[in-house]
Amino acid sequence: MDPETIQGVDAREIETVSKERLFWLRFAPAMEAAYETETGPARSRELFWRGWVAIAIYLSLLLSDWYVTPDIFGTAVFVRVCLVTPAAIVMMAIIWRNPPVWLRESIEVVSVLMAGASH
């Protein structure tokens, strides 16, 4: 491989981008593809394991539901355990398979919105 090229991206292009202000927070397509190839699988694994931590924290909030709103605790259990948690596990299974970047990041947004809406 040419020493001036990293993962198919010209080193001059990397130098140019590092000096520019990225308005849309995006690189050139070749650079985006190289970055995703390099970091995508690790990000998917990290999100998968952090997802289990997030589910544990999310379910631990049932304690506050029980103390603060005991009159609707049954509803809280149903929503958290029967709706949100299974959906989150399905989303984590998709993430484990290292999906395309648009799907992986969309799943993250949807999971946060879903958890917030369930309150």
PDB file of N, CA and C in Angstrom:
ATOM      1  N   MET A   1       0.848  -1.183   0.000  1.00  0.00           N
ATOM      2  CA  MET A   1       0.000   0.000   0.000  1.00  0.00           C
ATOM      3  C   MET A   1       0.890   1.240   0.000  1.00  0.00           C
ATOM      4  N   ASP A   2       0.463   2.218  -0.710  1.00  0.00           N
ATOM      5  CA  ASP A   2       1.185   3.480  -0.792  1.00  0.00           C
ATOM      6  C   ASP A   2       1.225   4.128   0.592  1.00  0.00           C
ATOM      7  N   PRO A   3       2.409   4.573   1.081  1.00  0.00           N
ATOM      8  CA  PRO A   3       2.477   5.192   2.403  1.00  0.00           C
ATOM      9  C   PRO A   3       1.683   6.486   2.498  1.00  0.00           C
ATOM     10  N   GLU A   4       1.350   7.057   1.351  1.00  0.00           N
ATOM     11  CA  GLU A   4       0.559   8.284   1.351  1.00  0.00           C
ATOM     12  C   GLU A   4      -0.941   8.007   1.444  1.00  0.00           C
ATOM     13  N   THR A   5      -1.311   6.724   1.494  1.00  0.00           N
ATOM     14  CA  THR A   5      -2.720   6.348   1.523  1.00  0.00           C
ATOM     15  C   THR A   5      -2.997   5.512   2.767  1.00  0.00           C
ATOM     16  N   ILE A   6      -4.041   5.858   3.484  1.00  0.00           N
ATOM     17  CA  ILE A   6      -4.451   5.113   4.670  1.00  0.00           C
ATOM     18  C   ILE A   6      -5.869   4.625   4.424  1.00  0.00           C
ATOM     19  N   GLN A   7      -6.053   3.293   4.386  1.00  0.00           N
ATOM     20  CA  GLN A   7      -7.372   2.693   4.157  1.00  0.00           C
ATOM     21  C   GLN A   7      -8.046   3.292   2.920  1.00  0.00           C
ATOM     22  N   GLY A   8      -7.288   3.562   1.885  1.00  0.00           N
ATOM     23  CA  GLY A   8      -7.864   4.081   0.649  1.00  0.00           C
ATOM     24  C   GLY A   8      -8.139   5.570   0.676  1.00  0.00           C
ATOM     25  N   VAL A   9      -7.700   6.261   1.731  1.00  0.00           N
ATOM     26  CA  VAL A   9      -7.910   7.706   1.832  1.00  0.00           C
ATOM     27  C   VAL A   9      -6.558   8.386   1.708  1.00  0.00           C
ATOM     28  N   ASP A  10      -6.478   9.342   0.834  1.00  0.00           N
ATOM     29  CA  ASP A  10      -5.242  10.079   0.606  1.00  0.00           C
ATOM     30  C   ASP A  10      -4.855  10.846   1.869  1.00  0.00           C
ATOM     31  N   ALA A  11      -3.593  10.759   2.263  1.00  0.00           N
ATOM     32  CA  ALA A  11      -3.113  11.439   3.473  1.00  0.00           C
ATOM     33  C   ALA A  11      -3.293  12.953   3.365  1.00  0.00           C
ATOM     34  N   ARG A  12      -3.202  13.487   2.155  1.00  0.00           N
ATOM     35  CA  ARG A  12      -3.415  14.935   1.981  1.00  0.00           C
ATOM     36  C   ARG A  12      -4.859  15.303   2.313  1.00  0.00           C
ATOM     37  N   GLU A  13      -5.786  14.423   1.964  1.00  0.00           N
ATOM     38  CA  GLU A  13      -7.200  14.674   2.278  1.00  0.00           C
ATOM     39  C   GLU A  13      -7.409  14.690   3.789  1.00  0.00           C
ATOM     40  N   ILE A  14      -6.755  13.779   4.480  1.00  0.00           N
ATOM     41  CA  ILE A  14      -6.848  13.752   5.948  1.00  0.00           C
ATOM     42  C   ILE A  14      -6.297  15.044   6.527  1.00  0.00           C
ATOM     43  N   GLU A  15      -5.174  15.486   6.015  1.00  0.00           N
ATOM     44  CA  GLU A  15      -4.561  16.734   6.493  1.00  0.00           C
ATOM     45  C   GLU A  15      -5.481  17.924   6.230  1.00  0.00           C
ATOM     46  N   THR A  16      -6.107  17.964   5.068  1.00  0.00           N
ATOM     47  CA  THR A  16      -7.005  19.064   4.718  1.00  0.00           C
ATOM     48  C   THR A  16      -8.209  19.090   5.651  1.00  0.00           C
ATOM     49  N   VAL A  17      -8.797  17.923   5.882  1.00  0.00           N
ATOM     50  CA  VAL A  17      -9.982  17.850   6.738  1.00  0.00           C
ATOM     51  C   VAL A  17      -9.638  18.240   8.167  1.00  0.00           C
ATOM     52  N   SER A  18      -8.467  17.862   8.632  1.00  0.00           N
ATOM     53  CA  SER A  18      -8.096  18.180  10.012  1.00  0.00           C
ATOM     54  C   SER A  18      -7.932  19.676  10.225  1.00  0.00           C
ATOM     55  N   LYS A  19      -7.721  20.427   9.162  1.00  0.00           N
ATOM     56  CA  LYS A  19      -7.572  21.885   9.271  1.00  0.00           C
ATOM     57  C   LYS A  19      -8.881  22.626   9.042  1.00  0.00           C
ATOM     58  N   GLU A  20      -9.867  21.957   8.460  1.00  0.00           N
ATOM     59  CA  GLU A  20     -11.134  22.605   8.139  1.00  0.00           C
ATOM     60  C   GLU A  20     -12.112  22.486   9.303  1.00  0.00           C
ATOM     61  N   ARG A  21     -13.069  23.380   9.286  1.00  0.00           N
ATOM     62  CA  ARG A  21     -14.181  23.290  10.221  1.00  0.00           C
ATOM     63  C   ARG A  21     -15.288  22.514   9.519  1.00  0.00           C
ATOM     64  N   LEU A  22     -15.698  21.393  10.094  1.00  0.00           N
ATOM     65  CA  LEU A  22     -16.694  20.537   9.454  1.00  0.00           C
ATOM     66  C   LEU A  22     -18.099  20.979   9.877  1.00  0.00           C
ATOM     67  N   PHE A  23     -18.773  21.689   9.009  1.00  0.00           N
ATOM     68  CA  PHE A  23     -20.084  22.236   9.333  1.00  0.00           C
ATOM     69  C   PHE A  23     -21.107  21.135   9.625  1.00  0.00           C
ATOM     70  N   TRP A  24     -21.137  20.091   8.819  1.00  0.00           N
ATOM     71  CA  TRP A  24     -22.131  19.027   8.992  1.00  0.00           C
ATOM     72  C   TRP A  24     -21.599  17.857   9.801  1.00  0.00           C
ATOM     73  N   LEU A  25     -20.391  17.987  10.336  1.00  0.00           N
ATOM     74  CA  LEU A  25     -19.764  16.909  11.105  1.00  0.00           C
ATOM     75  C   LEU A  25     -19.686  15.612  10.311  1.00  0.00           C
ATOM     76  N   ARG A  26     -19.319  15.741   9.062  1.00  0.00           N
ATOM     77  CA  ARG A  26     -19.160  14.577   8.187  1.00  0.00           C
ATOM     78  C   ARG A  26     -17.859  14.730   7.419  1.00  0.00           C
ATOM     79  N   PHE A  27     -17.259  13.589   7.152  1.00  0.00           N
ATOM     80  CA  PHE A  27     -16.066  13.554   6.327  1.00  0.00           C
ATOM     81  C   PHE A  27     -16.467  13.284   4.884  1.00  0.00           C
ATOM     82  N   ALA A  28     -15.486  13.305   4.018  1.00  0.00           N
ATOM     83  CA  ALA A  28     -15.705  12.902   2.638  1.00  0.00           C
ATOM     84  C   ALA A  28     -16.141  11.431   2.644  1.00  0.00           C
ATOM     85  N   PRO A  29     -16.932  10.995   1.658  1.00  0.00           N
ATOM     86  CA  PRO A  29     -17.439   9.618   1.656  1.00  0.00           C
ATOM     87  C   PRO A  29     -16.363   8.542   1.831  1.00  0.00           C
ATOM     88  N   ALA A  30     -15.224   8.687   1.163  1.00  0.00           N
ATOM     89  CA  ALA A  30     -14.161   7.684   1.296  1.00  0.00           C
ATOM     90  C   ALA A  30     -13.624   7.653   2.723  1.00  0.00           C
ATOM     91  N   MET A  31     -13.503   8.818   3.319  1.00  0.00           N
ATOM     92  CA  MET A  31     -12.998   8.897   4.688  1.00  0.00           C
ATOM     93  C   MET A  31     -14.029   8.343   5.672  1.00  0.00           C
ATOM     94  N   GLU A  32     -15.296   8.645   5.442  1.00  0.00           N
ATOM     95  CA  GLU A  32     -16.367   8.090   6.290  1.00  0.00           C
ATOM     96  C   GLU A  32     -16.354   6.567   6.224  1.00  0.00           C
ATOM     97  N   ALA A  33     -16.213   6.023   5.024  1.00  0.00           N
ATOM     98  CA  ALA A  33     -16.207   4.567   4.847  1.00  0.00           C
ATOM     99  C   ALA A  33     -15.008   3.944   5.545  1.00  0.00           C
ATOM    100  N   ALA A  34     -13.852   4.568   5.429  1.00  0.00           N
ATOM    101  CA  ALA A  34     -12.650   4.048   6.085  1.00  0.00           C
ATOM    102  C   ALA A  34     -12.815   4.086   7.608  1.00  0.00           C
ATOM    103  N   TYR A  35     -13.364   5.184   8.104  1.00  0.00           N
ATOM    104  CA  TYR A  35     -13.572   5.316   9.554  1.00  0.00           C
ATOM    105  C   TYR A  35     -14.550   4.255  10.051  1.00  0.00           C
ATOM    106  N   GLU A  36     -15.629   4.052   9.331  1.00  0.00           N
ATOM    107  CA  GLU A  36     -16.630   3.059   9.734  1.00  0.00           C
ATOM    108  C   GLU A  36     -16.050   1.653   9.681  1.00  0.00           C
ATOM    109  N   THR A  37     -15.256   1.365   8.658  1.00  0.00           N
ATOM    110  CA  THR A  37     -14.604   0.053   8.559  1.00  0.00           C
ATOM    111  C   THR A  37     -13.695  -0.176   9.762  1.00  0.00           C
ATOM    112  N   GLU A  38     -13.006   0.866  10.163  1.00  0.00           N
ATOM    113  CA  GLU A  38     -12.051   0.773  11.267  1.00  0.00           C
ATOM    114  C   GLU A  38     -12.738   0.670  12.630  1.00  0.00           C
ATOM    115  N   THR A  39     -13.807   1.423  12.839  1.00  0.00           N
ATOM    116  CA  THR A  39     -14.388   1.538  14.186  1.00  0.00           C
ATOM    117  C   THR A  39     -15.769   0.912  14.348  1.00  0.00           C
ATOM    118  N   GLY A  40     -16.460   0.608  13.257  1.00  0.00           N
ATOM    119  CA  GLY A  40     -17.840   0.126  13.336  1.00  0.00           C
ATOM    120  C   GLY A  40     -18.041  -1.118  14.181  1.00  0.00           C
ATOM    121  N   PRO A  41     -17.279  -2.189  13.964  1.00  0.00           N
ATOM    122  CA  PRO A  41     -17.481  -3.398  14.771  1.00  0.00           C
ATOM    123  C   PRO A  41     -17.244  -3.168  16.270  1.00  0.00           C
ATOM    124  N   ALA A  42     -16.222  -2.383  16.589  1.00  0.00           N
ATOM    125  CA  ALA A  42     -15.953  -2.102  18.013  1.00  0.00           C
ATOM    126  C   ALA A  42     -17.081  -1.275  18.619  1.00  0.00           C
ATOM    127  N   ARG A  43     -17.610  -0.330  17.864  1.00  0.00           N
ATOM    128  CA  ARG A  43     -18.727   0.489  18.379  1.00  0.00           C
ATOM    129  C   ARG A  43     -19.952  -0.387  18.606  1.00  0.00           C
ATOM    130  N   SER A  44     -20.224  -1.296  17.691  1.00  0.00           N
ATOM    131  CA  SER A  44     -21.377  -2.187  17.866  1.00  0.00           C
ATOM    132  C   SER A  44     -21.223  -3.031  19.125  1.00  0.00           C
ATOM    133  N   ARG A  45     -20.037  -3.592  19.339  1.00  0.00           N
ATOM    134  CA  ARG A  45     -19.814  -4.398  20.546  1.00  0.00           C
ATOM    135  C   ARG A  45     -19.971  -3.559  21.806  1.00  0.00           C
ATOM    136  N   GLU A  46     -19.417  -2.345  21.781  1.00  0.00           N
ATOM    137  CA  GLU A  46     -19.514  -1.466  22.945  1.00  0.00           C
ATOM    138  C   GLU A  46     -20.970  -1.103  23.238  1.00  0.00           C
ATOM    139  N   LEU A  47     -21.730  -0.768  22.203  1.00  0.00           N
ATOM    140  CA  LEU A  47     -23.136  -0.428  22.395  1.00  0.00           C
ATOM    141  C   LEU A  47     -23.926  -1.630  22.915  1.00  0.00           C
ATOM    142  N   PHE A  48     -23.582  -2.820  22.448  1.00  0.00           N
ATOM    143  CA  PHE A  48     -24.262  -4.023  22.915  1.00  0.00           C
ATOM    144  C   PHE A  48     -24.073  -4.203  24.421  1.00  0.00           C
ATOM    145  N   TRP A  49     -22.839  -4.135  24.892  1.00  0.00           N
ATOM    146  CA  TRP A  49     -22.582  -4.351  26.321  1.00  0.00           C
ATOM    147  C   TRP A  49     -23.115  -3.199  27.168  1.00  0.00           C
ATOM    148  N   ARG A  50     -23.022  -1.991  26.680  1.00  0.00           N
ATOM    149  CA  ARG A  50     -23.603  -0.855  27.408  1.00  0.00           C
ATOM    150  C   ARG A  50     -25.127  -0.950  27.442  1.00  0.00           C
ATOM    151  N   GLY A  51     -25.693  -1.575  26.437  1.00  0.00           N
ATOM    152  CA  GLY A  51     -27.139  -1.779  26.419  1.00  0.00           C
ATOM    153  C   GLY A  51     -27.602  -2.620  27.591  1.00  0.00           C
ATOM    154  N   TRP A  52     -26.838  -3.661  27.936  1.00  0.00           N
ATOM    155  CA  TRP A  52     -27.205  -4.482  29.099  1.00  0.00           C
ATOM    156  C   TRP A  52     -27.138  -3.673  30.390  1.00  0.00           C
ATOM    157  N   VAL A  53     -26.137  -2.811  30.496  1.00  0.00           N
ATOM    158  CA  VAL A  53     -26.039  -1.942  31.675  1.00  0.00           C
ATOM    159  C   VAL A  53     -27.229  -0.997  31.707  1.00  0.00           C
ATOM    160  N   ALA A  54     -27.575  -0.442  30.570  1.00  0.00           N
ATOM    161  CA  ALA A  54     -28.710   0.482  30.497  1.00  0.00           C
ATOM    162  C   ALA A  54     -30.014  -0.218  30.878  1.00  0.00           C
ATOM    163  N   ILE A  55     -30.202  -1.450  30.434  1.00  0.00           N
ATOM    164  CA  ILE A  55     -31.413  -2.190  30.797  1.00  0.00           C
ATOM    165  C   ILE A  55     -31.455  -2.420  32.298  1.00  0.00           C
ATOM    166  N   ALA A  56     -30.336  -2.774  32.905  1.00  0.00           N
ATOM    167  CA  ALA A  56     -30.299  -2.995  34.352  1.00  0.00           C
ATOM    168  C   ALA A  56     -30.656  -1.716  35.107  1.00  0.00           C
ATOM    169  N   ILE A  57     -30.099  -0.594  34.679  1.00  0.00           N
ATOM    170  CA  ILE A  57     -30.427   0.687  35.324  1.00  0.00           C
ATOM    171  C   ILE A  57     -31.895   1.023  35.107  1.00  0.00           C
ATOM    172  N   TYR A  58     -32.361   0.829  33.886  1.00  0.00           N
ATOM    173  CA  TYR A  58     -33.756   1.120  33.545  1.00  0.00           C
ATOM    174  C   TYR A  58     -34.713   0.304  34.412  1.00  0.00           C
ATOM    175  N   LEU A  59     -34.431  -0.987  34.570  1.00  0.00           N
ATOM    176  CA  LEU A  59     -35.303  -1.831  35.386  1.00  0.00           C
ATOM    177  C   LEU A  59     -35.176  -1.506  36.873  1.00  0.00           C
ATOM    178  N   SER A  60     -34.022  -1.029  37.297  1.00  0.00           N
ATOM    179  CA  SER A  60     -33.875  -0.650  38.711  1.00  0.00           C
ATOM    180  C   SER A  60     -34.752   0.549  39.065  1.00  0.00           C
ATOM    181  N   LEU A  61     -35.160   1.309  38.058  1.00  0.00           N
ATOM    182  CA  LEU A  61     -36.059   2.440  38.310  1.00  0.00           C
ATOM    183  C   LEU A  61     -37.446   1.987  38.754  1.00  0.00           C
ATOM    184  N   LEU A  62     -37.714   0.689  38.651  1.00  0.00           N
ATOM    185  CA  LEU A  62     -38.971   0.165  39.189  1.00  0.00           C
ATOM    186  C   LEU A  62     -39.059   0.410  40.694  1.00  0.00           C
ATOM    187  N   LEU A  63     -37.916   0.457  41.370  1.00  0.00           N
ATOM    188  CA  LEU A  63     -37.920   0.764  42.806  1.00  0.00           C
ATOM    189  C   LEU A  63     -38.495   2.153  43.064  1.00  0.00           C
ATOM    190  N   SER A  64     -38.070   3.132  42.284  1.00  0.00           N
ATOM    191  CA  SER A  64     -38.616   4.480  42.471  1.00  0.00           C
ATOM    192  C   SER A  64     -40.086   4.530  42.062  1.00  0.00           C
ATOM    193  N   ASP A  65     -40.463   3.754  41.046  1.00  0.00           N
ATOM    194  CA  ASP A  65     -41.882   3.688  40.673  1.00  0.00           C
ATOM    195  C   ASP A  65     -42.715   3.164  41.841  1.00  0.00           C
ATOM    196  N   TRP A  66     -42.189   2.166  42.512  1.00  0.00           N
ATOM    197  CA  TRP A  66     -42.915   1.555  43.627  1.00  0.00           C
ATOM    198  C   TRP A  66     -43.077   2.537  44.779  1.00  0.00           C
ATOM    199  N   TYR A  67     -42.031   3.315  45.071  1.00  0.00           N
ATOM    200  CA  TYR A  67     -42.103   4.279  46.173  1.00  0.00           C
ATOM    201  C   TYR A  67     -42.889   5.528  45.815  1.00  0.00           C
ATOM    202  N   VAL A  68     -42.718   6.036  44.612  1.00  0.00           N
ATOM    203  CA  VAL A  68     -43.312   7.318  44.234  1.00  0.00           C
ATOM    204  C   VAL A  68     -44.739   7.181  43.730  1.00  0.00           C
ATOM    205  N   THR A  69     -44.992   6.157  42.927  1.00  0.00           N
ATOM    206  CA  THR A  69     -46.324   5.997  42.340  1.00  0.00           C
ATOM    207  C   THR A  69     -46.826   4.562  42.533  1.00  0.00           C
ATOM    208  N   PRO A  70     -47.064   4.175  43.780  1.00  0.00           N
ATOM    209  CA  PRO A  70     -47.495   2.791  44.007  1.00  0.00           C
ATOM    210  C   PRO A  70     -48.848   2.470  43.373  1.00  0.00           C
ATOM    211  N   ASP A  71     -49.669   3.490  43.139  1.00  0.00           N
ATOM    212  CA  ASP A  71     -50.990   3.255  42.559  1.00  0.00           C
ATOM    213  C   ASP A  71     -50.924   2.786  41.099  1.00  0.00           C
ATOM    214  N   ILE A  72     -49.851   3.125  40.395  1.00  0.00           N
ATOM    215  CA  ILE A  72     -49.721   2.677  39.006  1.00  0.00           C
ATOM    216  C   ILE A  72     -48.491   1.778  38.821  1.00  0.00           C
ATOM    217  N   PHE A  73     -48.041   1.172  39.890  1.00  0.00           N
ATOM    218  CA  PHE A  73     -46.858   0.323  39.823  1.00  0.00           C
ATOM    219  C   PHE A  73     -47.048  -0.844  38.850  1.00  0.00           C
ATOM    220  N   GLY A  74     -48.232  -1.433  38.820  1.00  0.00           N
ATOM    221  CA  GLY A  74     -48.502  -2.539  37.902  1.00  0.00           C
ATOM    222  C   GLY A  74     -48.325  -2.125  36.450  1.00  0.00           C
ATOM    223  N   THR A  75     -48.781  -0.932  36.132  1.00  0.00           N
ATOM    224  CA  THR A  75     -48.605  -0.407  34.783  1.00  0.00           C
ATOM    225  C   THR A  75     -47.130  -0.185  34.470  1.00  0.00           C
ATOM    226  N   ALA A  76     -46.405   0.345  35.451  1.00  0.00           N
ATOM    227  CA  ALA A  76     -44.974   0.583  35.268  1.00  0.00           C
ATOM    228  C   ALA A  76     -44.234  -0.728  35.007  1.00  0.00           C
ATOM    229  N   VAL A  77     -44.581  -1.765  35.763  1.00  0.00           N
ATOM    230  CA  VAL A  77     -43.950  -3.069  35.563  1.00  0.00           C
ATOM    231  C   VAL A  77     -44.263  -3.586  34.162  1.00  0.00           C
ATOM    232  N   PHE A  78     -45.516  -3.485  33.762  1.00  0.00           N
ATOM    233  CA  PHE A  78     -45.900  -3.965  32.439  1.00  0.00           C
ATOM    234  C   PHE A  78     -45.130  -3.231  31.342  1.00  0.00           C
ATOM    235  N   VAL A  79     -45.097  -1.907  31.420  1.00  0.00           N
ATOM    236  CA  VAL A  79     -44.432  -1.117  30.380  1.00  0.00           C
ATOM    237  C   VAL A  79     -42.940  -1.413  30.355  1.00  0.00           C
ATOM    238  N   ARG A  80     -42.302  -1.414  31.528  1.00  0.00           N
ATOM    239  CA  ARG A  80     -40.847  -1.611  31.579  1.00  0.00           C
ATOM    240  C   ARG A  80     -40.431  -3.041  31.220  1.00  0.00           C
ATOM    241  N   VAL A  81     -41.141  -4.020  31.798  1.00  0.00           N
ATOM    242  CA  VAL A  81     -40.720  -5.421  31.648  1.00  0.00           C
ATOM    243  C   VAL A  81     -41.279  -6.076  30.388  1.00  0.00           C
ATOM    244  N   CYS A  82     -42.507  -5.759  30.043  1.00  0.00           N
ATOM    245  CA  CYS A  82     -43.153  -6.466  28.934  1.00  0.00           C
ATOM    246  C   CYS A  82     -43.084  -5.736  27.594  1.00  0.00           C
ATOM    247  N   LEU A  83     -42.857  -4.445  27.612  1.00  0.00           N
ATOM    248  CA  LEU A  83     -42.809  -3.698  26.352  1.00  0.00           C
ATOM    249  C   LEU A  83     -41.403  -3.204  26.012  1.00  0.00           C
ATOM    250  N   VAL A  84     -40.860  -2.372  26.887  1.00  0.00           N
ATOM    251  CA  VAL A  84     -39.596  -1.706  26.564  1.00  0.00           C
ATOM    252  C   VAL A  84     -38.411  -2.670  26.603  1.00  0.00           C
ATOM    253  N   THR A  85     -38.312  -3.484  27.641  1.00  0.00           N
ATOM    254  CA  THR A  85     -37.158  -4.379  27.759  1.00  0.00           C
ATOM    255  C   THR A  85     -37.069  -5.380  26.602  1.00  0.00           C
ATOM    256  N   PRO A  86     -38.143  -6.068  26.224  1.00  0.00           N
ATOM    257  CA  PRO A  86     -38.019  -6.970  25.065  1.00  0.00           C
ATOM    258  C   PRO A  86     -37.637  -6.229  23.778  1.00  0.00           C
ATOM    259  N   ALA A  87     -38.199  -5.045  23.577  1.00  0.00           N
ATOM    260  CA  ALA A  87     -37.842  -4.268  22.377  1.00  0.00           C
ATOM    261  C   ALA A  87     -36.361  -3.891  22.415  1.00  0.00           C
ATOM    262  N   ALA A  88     -35.868  -3.522  23.589  1.00  0.00           N
ATOM    263  CA  ALA A  88     -34.449  -3.175  23.719  1.00  0.00           C
ATOM    264  C   ALA A  88     -33.558  -4.383  23.451  1.00  0.00           C
ATOM    265  N   ILE A  89     -33.975  -5.551  23.905  1.00  0.00           N
ATOM    266  CA  ILE A  89     -33.182  -6.764  23.666  1.00  0.00           C
ATOM    267  C   ILE A  89     -33.135  -7.097  22.169  1.00  0.00           C
ATOM    268  N   VAL A  90     -34.251  -6.919  21.484  1.00  0.00           N
ATOM    269  CA  VAL A  90     -34.261  -7.132  20.029  1.00  0.00           C
ATOM    270  C   VAL A  90     -33.315  -6.143  19.349  1.00  0.00           C
ATOM    271  N   MET A  91     -33.363  -4.889  19.764  1.00  0.00           N
ATOM    272  CA  MET A  91     -32.480  -3.882  19.177  1.00  0.00           C
ATOM    273  C   MET A  91     -31.014  -4.217  19.456  1.00  0.00           C
ATOM    274  N   MET A  92     -30.732  -4.721  20.651  1.00  0.00           N
ATOM    275  CA  MET A  92     -29.354  -5.103  20.970  1.00  0.00           C
ATOM    276  C   MET A  92     -28.897  -6.287  20.128  1.00  0.00           C
ATOM    277  N   ALA A  93     -29.797  -7.211  19.858  1.00  0.00           N
ATOM    278  CA  ALA A  93     -29.448  -8.347  18.998  1.00  0.00           C
ATOM    279  C   ALA A  93     -29.091  -7.873  17.592  1.00  0.00           C
ATOM    280  N   ILE A  94     -29.791  -6.863  17.116  1.00  0.00           N
ATOM    281  CA  ILE A  94     -29.472  -6.292  15.804  1.00  0.00           C
ATOM    282  C   ILE A  94     -28.108  -5.615  15.852  1.00  0.00           C
ATOM    283  N   ILE A  95     -27.861  -4.857  16.904  1.00  0.00           N
ATOM    284  CA  ILE A  95     -26.579  -4.163  17.042  1.00  0.00           C
ATOM    285  C   ILE A  95     -25.425  -5.163  17.128  1.00  0.00           C
ATOM    286  N   TRP A  96     -25.637  -6.286  17.798  1.00  0.00           N
ATOM    287  CA  TRP A  96     -24.582  -7.296  17.936  1.00  0.00           C
ATOM    288  C   TRP A  96     -24.076  -7.759  16.572  1.00  0.00           C
ATOM    289  N   ARG A  97     -24.949  -7.749  15.567  1.00  0.00           N
ATOM    290  CA  ARG A  97     -24.587  -8.225  14.228  1.00  0.00           C
ATOM    291  C   ARG A  97     -23.891  -7.160  13.384  1.00  0.00           C
ATOM    292  N   ASN A  98     -23.540  -6.028  14.006  1.00  0.00           N
ATOM    293  CA  ASN A  98     -22.833  -4.939  13.328  1.00  0.00           C
ATOM    294  C   ASN A  98     -23.582  -4.474  12.078  1.00  0.00           C
ATOM    295  N   PRO A  99     -24.757  -3.865  12.285  1.00  0.00           N
ATOM    296  CA  PRO A  99     -25.563  -3.412  11.138  1.00  0.00           C
ATOM    297  C   PRO A  99     -24.938  -2.183  10.475  1.00  0.00           C
ATOM    298  N   PRO A 100     -25.499  -1.758   9.353  1.00  0.00           N
ATOM    299  CA  PRO A 100     -25.018  -0.512   8.727  1.00  0.00           C
ATOM    300  C   PRO A 100     -25.110   0.647   9.717  1.00  0.00           C
ATOM    301  N   VAL A 101     -24.239   1.612   9.537  1.00  0.00           N
ATOM    302  CA  VAL A 101     -24.129   2.712  10.493  1.00  0.00           C
ATOM    303  C   VAL A 101     -25.465   3.438  10.691  1.00  0.00           C
ATOM    304  N   TRP A 102     -26.224   3.654   9.625  1.00  0.00           N
ATOM    305  CA  TRP A 102     -27.494   4.383   9.756  1.00  0.00           C
ATOM    306  C   TRP A 102     -28.462   3.613  10.654  1.00  0.00           C
ATOM    307  N   LEU A 103     -28.477   2.291  10.549  1.00  0.00           N
ATOM    308  CA  LEU A 103     -29.377   1.487  11.367  1.00  0.00           C
ATOM    309  C   LEU A 103     -28.901   1.445  12.814  1.00  0.00           C
ATOM    310  N   ARG A 104     -27.603   1.260  12.991  1.00  0.00           N
ATOM    311  CA  ARG A 104     -27.045   1.201  14.347  1.00  0.00           C
ATOM    312  C   ARG A 104     -27.340   2.486  15.120  1.00  0.00           C
ATOM    313  N   GLU A 105     -27.080   3.612  14.505  1.00  0.00           N
ATOM    314  CA  GLU A 105     -27.280   4.887  15.198  1.00  0.00           C
ATOM    315  C   GLU A 105     -28.769   5.209  15.355  1.00  0.00           C
ATOM    316  N   SER A 106     -29.596   4.796  14.403  1.00  0.00           N
ATOM    317  CA  SER A 106     -31.044   4.988  14.538  1.00  0.00           C
ATOM    318  C   SER A 106     -31.597   4.177  15.698  1.00  0.00           C
ATOM    319  N   ILE A 107     -31.085   2.978  15.868  1.00  0.00           N
ATOM    320  CA  ILE A 107     -31.511   2.139  16.991  1.00  0.00           C
ATOM    321  C   ILE A 107     -31.178   2.826  18.307  1.00  0.00           C
ATOM    322  N   GLU A 108     -30.029   3.438  18.389  1.00  0.00           N
ATOM    323  CA  GLU A 108     -29.652   4.134  19.614  1.00  0.00           C
ATOM    324  C   GLU A 108     -30.622   5.278  19.909  1.00  0.00           C
ATOM    325  N   VAL A 109     -30.956   6.048  18.903  1.00  0.00           N
ATOM    326  CA  VAL A 109     -31.896   7.159  19.096  1.00  0.00           C
ATOM    327  C   VAL A 109     -33.266   6.636  19.513  1.00  0.00           C
ATOM    328  N   VAL A 110     -33.756   5.618  18.820  1.00  0.00           N
ATOM    329  CA  VAL A 110     -35.084   5.063  19.120  1.00  0.00           C
ATOM    330  C   VAL A 110     -35.121   4.489  20.530  1.00  0.00           C
ATOM    331  N   SER A 111     -34.055   3.810  20.951  1.00  0.00           N
ATOM    332  CA  SER A 111     -34.059   3.211  22.284  1.00  0.00           C
ATOM    333  C   SER A 111     -34.112   4.275  23.379  1.00  0.00           C
ATOM    334  N   VAL A 112     -33.397   5.371  23.183  1.00  0.00           N
ATOM    335  CA  VAL A 112     -33.437   6.444  24.181  1.00  0.00           C
ATOM    336  C   VAL A 112     -34.807   7.104  24.202  1.00  0.00           C
ATOM    337  N   LEU A 113     -35.380   7.359  23.034  1.00  0.00           N
ATOM    338  CA  LEU A 113     -36.724   7.952  22.983  1.00  0.00           C
ATOM    339  C   LEU A 113     -37.775   7.037  23.588  1.00  0.00           C
ATOM    340  N   MET A 114     -37.627   5.731  23.318  1.00  0.00           N
ATOM    341  CA  MET A 114     -38.572   4.749  23.853  1.00  0.00           C
ATOM    342  C   MET A 114     -38.492   4.710  25.388  1.00  0.00           C
ATOM    343  N   ALA A 115     -37.295   4.700  25.931  1.00  0.00           N
ATOM    344  CA  ALA A 115     -37.140   4.676  27.382  1.00  0.00           C
ATOM    345  C   ALA A 115     -37.692   5.950  28.000  1.00  0.00           C
ATOM    346  N   GLY A 116     -37.428   7.083  27.376  1.00  0.00           N
ATOM    347  CA  GLY A 116     -37.946   8.347  27.900  1.00  0.00           C
ATOM    348  C   GLY A 116     -39.459   8.428  27.821  1.00  0.00           C
ATOM    349  N   ALA A 117     -40.021   7.960  26.724  1.00  0.00           N
ATOM    350  CA  ALA A 117     -41.475   8.007  26.557  1.00  0.00           C
ATOM    351  C   ALA A 117     -42.190   7.066  27.526  1.00  0.00           C
ATOM    352  N   SER A 118     -41.513   6.020  27.961  1.00  0.00           N
ATOM    353  CA  SER A 118     -42.170   5.059  28.844  1.00  0.00           C
ATOM    354  C   SER A 118     -42.388   5.612  30.249  1.00  0.00           C
ATOM    355  N   HIS A 119     -41.755   6.703  30.575  1.00  0.00           N
ATOM    356  CA  HIS A 119     -41.969   7.284  31.898  1.00  0.00           C
ATOM    357  C   HIS A 119     -43.286   8.006  31.936  1.00  0.00           C
TER     358      HIS A 119
END
